[in-house]
Amino acid sequence: MAGDRSDEAAVFGGREVVPFPMARRLSTIRICAADLEDLHGDDAVKYWRRECRKLADELLALGCSEEDMREQVMAFQAEVQAELWQRHQSRASTGAVSQ
């Protein structure tokens, strides 16, 4: 049967497929980056941990392995950091950020 999960596992080297990779959830990435821009210190750390834990729990509930969940959350974290950097660079180029 074409939709058999064992066929998919064979095609992808035995690994499960994550239908919507965390690093491609642009709206979630942008929301987190915008929220983090407004938070500092302990508030930012608490927010960041809460969001990452929420994403990890979602992946685990979907059946991802611990290893795949970690990879997905790390990729998401990298994308949020890149978005923060891009926002900073954009403001700096328009003179909105003091040097």
N, C-alpha and C. Protein backbone atom coordinates (compact mmCIF):
# COMPACT_ATOMS: atom_id res chain seq x y z
N MET A 1 0.85 -1.18 0.00
CA MET A 1 0.00 0.00 0.00
C MET A 1 0.89 1.24 0.00
N ALA A 2 0.58 2.21 -0.85
CA ALA A 2 1.45 3.37 -1.03
C ALA A 2 1.56 4.23 0.22
N GLY A 3 0.51 4.32 1.04
CA GLY A 3 0.54 5.18 2.21
C GLY A 3 1.00 4.48 3.47
N ASP A 4 1.51 3.28 3.35
CA ASP A 4 1.96 2.51 4.51
C ASP A 4 3.13 3.20 5.19
N ARG A 5 3.07 3.34 6.52
CA ARG A 5 4.13 4.02 7.29
C ARG A 5 5.47 3.32 7.13
N SER A 6 5.48 1.99 6.96
CA SER A 6 6.75 1.28 6.81
C SER A 6 7.43 1.66 5.50
N ASP A 7 6.64 1.95 4.46
CA ASP A 7 7.21 2.42 3.20
C ASP A 7 7.87 3.79 3.39
N GLU A 8 7.21 4.67 4.11
CA GLU A 8 7.77 5.99 4.38
C GLU A 8 9.04 5.88 5.19
N ALA A 9 9.04 5.02 6.19
CA ALA A 9 10.23 4.85 7.02
C ALA A 9 11.40 4.35 6.20
N ALA A 10 11.13 3.44 5.25
CA ALA A 10 12.20 2.93 4.41
C ALA A 10 12.76 4.02 3.51
N VAL A 11 11.89 4.85 2.97
CA VAL A 11 12.32 5.93 2.09
C VAL A 11 13.17 6.95 2.84
N PHE A 12 12.82 7.22 4.09
CA PHE A 12 13.51 8.24 4.87
C PHE A 12 14.49 7.65 5.87
N GLY A 13 15.07 6.51 5.55
CA GLY A 13 16.11 5.92 6.39
C GLY A 13 15.62 5.50 7.76
N GLY A 14 14.36 5.10 7.87
CA GLY A 14 13.83 4.64 9.14
C GLY A 14 13.40 5.75 10.08
N ARG A 15 13.56 6.99 9.67
CA ARG A 15 13.18 8.12 10.53
C ARG A 15 11.78 8.58 10.19
N GLU A 16 11.07 9.03 11.19
CA GLU A 16 9.74 9.58 10.99
C GLU A 16 9.86 10.96 10.32
N VAL A 17 8.86 11.31 9.59
CA VAL A 17 8.81 12.60 8.92
C VAL A 17 8.04 13.57 9.79
N VAL A 18 8.58 14.76 10.00
CA VAL A 18 7.86 15.82 10.71
C VAL A 18 7.18 16.66 9.63
N PRO A 19 5.85 16.65 9.59
CA PRO A 19 5.13 17.30 8.50
C PRO A 19 5.39 18.81 8.39
N PHE A 20 5.51 19.48 9.50
CA PHE A 20 5.74 20.92 9.50
C PHE A 20 6.94 21.20 10.39
N PRO A 21 8.14 21.19 9.83
CA PRO A 21 9.33 21.41 10.66
C PRO A 21 9.25 22.72 11.44
N MET A 22 9.68 22.66 12.68
CA MET A 22 9.63 23.84 13.55
C MET A 22 10.35 25.04 12.94
N ALA A 23 11.45 24.79 12.27
CA ALA A 23 12.24 25.88 11.70
C ALA A 23 11.56 26.56 10.52
N ARG A 24 10.44 26.02 10.06
CA ARG A 24 9.70 26.61 8.95
C ARG A 24 8.39 27.24 9.40
N ARG A 25 8.17 27.27 10.68
CA ARG A 25 6.95 27.90 11.21
C ARG A 25 7.20 29.40 11.37
N LEU A 26 7.16 30.09 10.24
CA LEU A 26 7.55 31.49 10.21
C LEU A 26 6.76 32.38 11.15
N SER A 27 5.46 32.15 11.24
CA SER A 27 4.67 33.01 12.12
C SER A 27 5.09 32.81 13.58
N THR A 28 5.33 31.57 13.98
CA THR A 28 5.77 31.30 15.35
C THR A 28 7.15 31.89 15.60
N ILE A 29 8.03 31.77 14.63
CA ILE A 29 9.38 32.35 14.74
C ILE A 29 9.29 33.86 14.92
N ARG A 30 8.50 34.50 14.09
CA ARG A 30 8.39 35.96 14.15
C ARG A 30 7.72 36.44 15.43
N ILE A 31 6.73 35.71 15.90
CA ILE A 31 6.07 36.07 17.16
C ILE A 31 7.06 35.96 18.31
N CYS A 32 7.80 34.87 18.36
CA CYS A 32 8.79 34.69 19.44
C CYS A 32 9.86 35.79 19.39
N ALA A 33 10.34 36.09 18.20
CA ALA A 33 11.36 37.14 18.06
C ALA A 33 10.82 38.49 18.52
N ALA A 34 9.60 38.81 18.13
CA ALA A 34 9.00 40.08 18.53
C ALA A 34 8.81 40.14 20.04
N ASP A 35 8.35 39.03 20.62
CA ASP A 35 8.17 38.99 22.07
C ASP A 35 9.51 39.13 22.79
N LEU A 36 10.53 38.44 22.28
CA LEU A 36 11.85 38.49 22.93
C LEU A 36 12.49 39.87 22.84
N GLU A 37 12.16 40.61 21.78
CA GLU A 37 12.69 41.97 21.67
C GLU A 37 12.22 42.85 22.82
N ASP A 38 11.03 42.56 23.33
CA ASP A 38 10.44 43.38 24.38
C ASP A 38 10.74 42.87 25.79
N LEU A 39 11.38 41.70 25.89
CA LEU A 39 11.69 41.12 27.19
C LEU A 39 13.19 41.16 27.45
N HIS A 40 13.54 41.22 28.73
CA HIS A 40 14.95 41.26 29.10
C HIS A 40 15.17 40.44 30.36
N GLY A 41 16.38 39.98 30.53
CA GLY A 41 16.77 39.28 31.75
C GLY A 41 15.96 38.03 32.01
N ASP A 42 15.57 37.86 33.26
CA ASP A 42 14.87 36.67 33.70
C ASP A 42 13.54 36.47 32.97
N ASP A 43 12.84 37.55 32.66
CA ASP A 43 11.58 37.44 31.93
C ASP A 43 11.81 36.82 30.55
N ALA A 44 12.87 37.24 29.87
CA ALA A 44 13.19 36.69 28.55
C ALA A 44 13.56 35.22 28.65
N VAL A 45 14.35 34.86 29.65
CA VAL A 45 14.77 33.46 29.83
C VAL A 45 13.55 32.58 30.10
N LYS A 46 12.67 33.03 30.99
CA LYS A 46 11.47 32.26 31.31
C LYS A 46 10.57 32.08 30.08
N TYR A 47 10.39 33.16 29.35
CA TYR A 47 9.57 33.10 28.14
C TYR A 47 10.17 32.11 27.15
N TRP A 48 11.47 32.20 26.90
CA TRP A 48 12.15 31.36 25.92
C TRP A 48 12.07 29.89 26.31
N ARG A 49 12.30 29.59 27.56
CA ARG A 49 12.20 28.21 28.03
C ARG A 49 10.78 27.68 27.89
N ARG A 50 9.81 28.50 28.22
CA ARG A 50 8.40 28.09 28.13
C ARG A 50 8.02 27.79 26.67
N GLU A 51 8.43 28.65 25.75
CA GLU A 51 8.10 28.45 24.34
C GLU A 51 8.79 27.20 23.78
N CYS A 52 10.05 27.01 24.12
CA CYS A 52 10.77 25.83 23.64
C CYS A 52 10.19 24.55 24.23
N ARG A 53 9.82 24.60 25.50
CA ARG A 53 9.21 23.43 26.13
C ARG A 53 7.86 23.11 25.49
N LYS A 54 7.09 24.15 25.17
CA LYS A 54 5.80 23.96 24.52
C LYS A 54 5.97 23.28 23.16
N LEU A 55 6.96 23.73 22.40
CA LEU A 55 7.23 23.13 21.10
C LEU A 55 7.70 21.68 21.26
N ALA A 56 8.56 21.44 22.24
CA ALA A 56 9.06 20.09 22.49
C ALA A 56 7.91 19.17 22.86
N ASP A 57 7.03 19.62 23.73
CA ASP A 57 5.89 18.81 24.14
C ASP A 57 4.97 18.50 22.95
N GLU A 58 4.79 19.48 22.08
CA GLU A 58 3.96 19.27 20.89
C GLU A 58 4.56 18.19 20.00
N LEU A 59 5.87 18.25 19.78
CA LEU A 59 6.53 17.25 18.94
C LEU A 59 6.46 15.86 19.55
N LEU A 60 6.67 15.78 20.85
CA LEU A 60 6.60 14.48 21.52
C LEU A 60 5.19 13.91 21.44
N ALA A 61 4.19 14.77 21.56
CA ALA A 61 2.80 14.32 21.46
C ALA A 61 2.48 13.82 20.05
N LEU A 62 3.18 14.34 19.06
CA LEU A 62 2.99 13.89 17.68
C LEU A 62 3.72 12.59 17.39
N GLY A 63 4.51 12.13 18.36
CA GLY A 63 5.21 10.86 18.19
C GLY A 63 6.67 10.97 17.80
N CYS A 64 7.23 12.16 17.83
CA CYS A 64 8.65 12.32 17.52
C CYS A 64 9.50 11.69 18.61
N SER A 65 10.64 11.19 18.22
CA SER A 65 11.58 10.66 19.21
C SER A 65 12.22 11.83 19.95
N GLU A 66 12.85 11.54 21.08
CA GLU A 66 13.55 12.58 21.83
C GLU A 66 14.62 13.25 20.96
N GLU A 67 15.35 12.44 20.21
CA GLU A 67 16.42 12.98 19.35
C GLU A 67 15.85 13.90 18.28
N ASP A 68 14.79 13.46 17.60
CA ASP A 68 14.18 14.31 16.57
C ASP A 68 13.60 15.58 17.17
N MET A 69 12.98 15.46 18.35
CA MET A 69 12.43 16.63 19.01
C MET A 69 13.53 17.64 19.31
N ARG A 70 14.65 17.15 19.84
CA ARG A 70 15.76 18.06 20.15
C ARG A 70 16.28 18.76 18.89
N GLU A 71 16.43 17.99 17.81
CA GLU A 71 16.90 18.58 16.55
C GLU A 71 15.94 19.66 16.06
N GLN A 72 14.65 19.39 16.14
CA GLN A 72 13.65 20.35 15.69
C GLN A 72 13.65 21.62 16.56
N VAL A 73 13.75 21.46 17.86
CA VAL A 73 13.76 22.62 18.76
C VAL A 73 15.04 23.43 18.56
N MET A 74 16.16 22.76 18.37
CA MET A 74 17.42 23.48 18.12
C MET A 74 17.35 24.26 16.81
N ALA A 75 16.76 23.67 15.77
CA ALA A 75 16.60 24.36 14.49
C ALA A 75 15.68 25.57 14.66
N PHE A 76 14.62 25.41 15.43
CA PHE A 76 13.71 26.52 15.71
C PHE A 76 14.45 27.64 16.44
N GLN A 77 15.23 27.28 17.46
CA GLN A 77 15.99 28.28 18.21
C GLN A 77 16.93 29.06 17.29
N ALA A 78 17.59 28.36 16.39
CA ALA A 78 18.50 29.02 15.45
C ALA A 78 17.74 30.00 14.55
N GLU A 79 16.56 29.62 14.12
CA GLU A 79 15.76 30.50 13.26
C GLU A 79 15.27 31.73 14.01
N VAL A 80 14.90 31.57 15.27
CA VAL A 80 14.49 32.73 16.07
C VAL A 80 15.67 33.68 16.26
N GLN A 81 16.85 33.12 16.54
CA GLN A 81 18.04 33.96 16.68
C GLN A 81 18.35 34.70 15.38
N ALA A 82 18.21 34.02 14.25
CA ALA A 82 18.44 34.65 12.96
C ALA A 82 17.42 35.77 12.71
N GLU A 83 16.18 35.55 13.10
CA GLU A 83 15.15 36.58 12.96
C GLU A 83 15.46 37.79 13.84
N LEU A 84 15.91 37.54 15.05
CA LEU A 84 16.30 38.65 15.94
C LEU A 84 17.44 39.45 15.32
N TRP A 85 18.42 38.75 14.77
CA TRP A 85 19.58 39.42 14.13
C TRP A 85 19.11 40.23 12.92
N GLN A 86 18.24 39.65 12.12
CA GLN A 86 17.73 40.36 10.95
C GLN A 86 16.96 41.62 11.35
N ARG A 87 16.17 41.52 12.39
CA ARG A 87 15.42 42.69 12.89
C ARG A 87 16.38 43.78 13.37
N HIS A 88 17.42 43.35 14.07
CA HIS A 88 18.41 44.31 14.56
C HIS A 88 19.12 44.99 13.39
N GLN A 89 19.54 44.19 12.41
CA GLN A 89 20.24 44.75 11.25
C GLN A 89 19.35 45.70 10.47
N SER A 90 18.08 45.35 10.34
CA SER A 90 17.13 46.20 9.63
C SER A 90 16.98 47.56 10.32
N ARG A 91 16.85 47.52 11.65
CA ARG A 91 16.74 48.78 12.40
C ARG A 91 18.04 49.57 12.33
N ALA A 92 19.16 48.88 12.40
CA ALA A 92 20.46 49.56 12.36
C ALA A 92 20.66 50.26 11.01
N SER A 93 20.23 49.62 9.94
CA SER A 93 20.43 50.21 8.61
C SER A 93 19.52 51.41 8.38
N THR A 94 18.43 51.49 9.11
CA THR A 94 17.55 52.65 8.98
C THR A 94 17.83 53.71 10.04
N GLY A 95 18.81 53.45 10.88
CA GLY A 95 19.18 54.39 11.92
C GLY A 95 18.30 54.34 13.15
N ALA A 96 17.49 53.30 13.27
CA ALA A 96 16.58 53.19 14.40
C ALA A 96 17.27 52.68 15.67
N VAL A 97 18.49 52.18 15.54
CA VAL A 97 19.23 51.67 16.68
C VAL A 97 20.46 52.54 16.91
N SER A 98 20.64 52.99 18.13
CA SER A 98 21.83 53.79 18.41
C SER A 98 23.05 52.88 18.51
N GLN A 99 24.13 53.33 17.96
CA GLN A 99 25.36 52.53 17.95
C GLN A 99 26.23 52.86 19.13
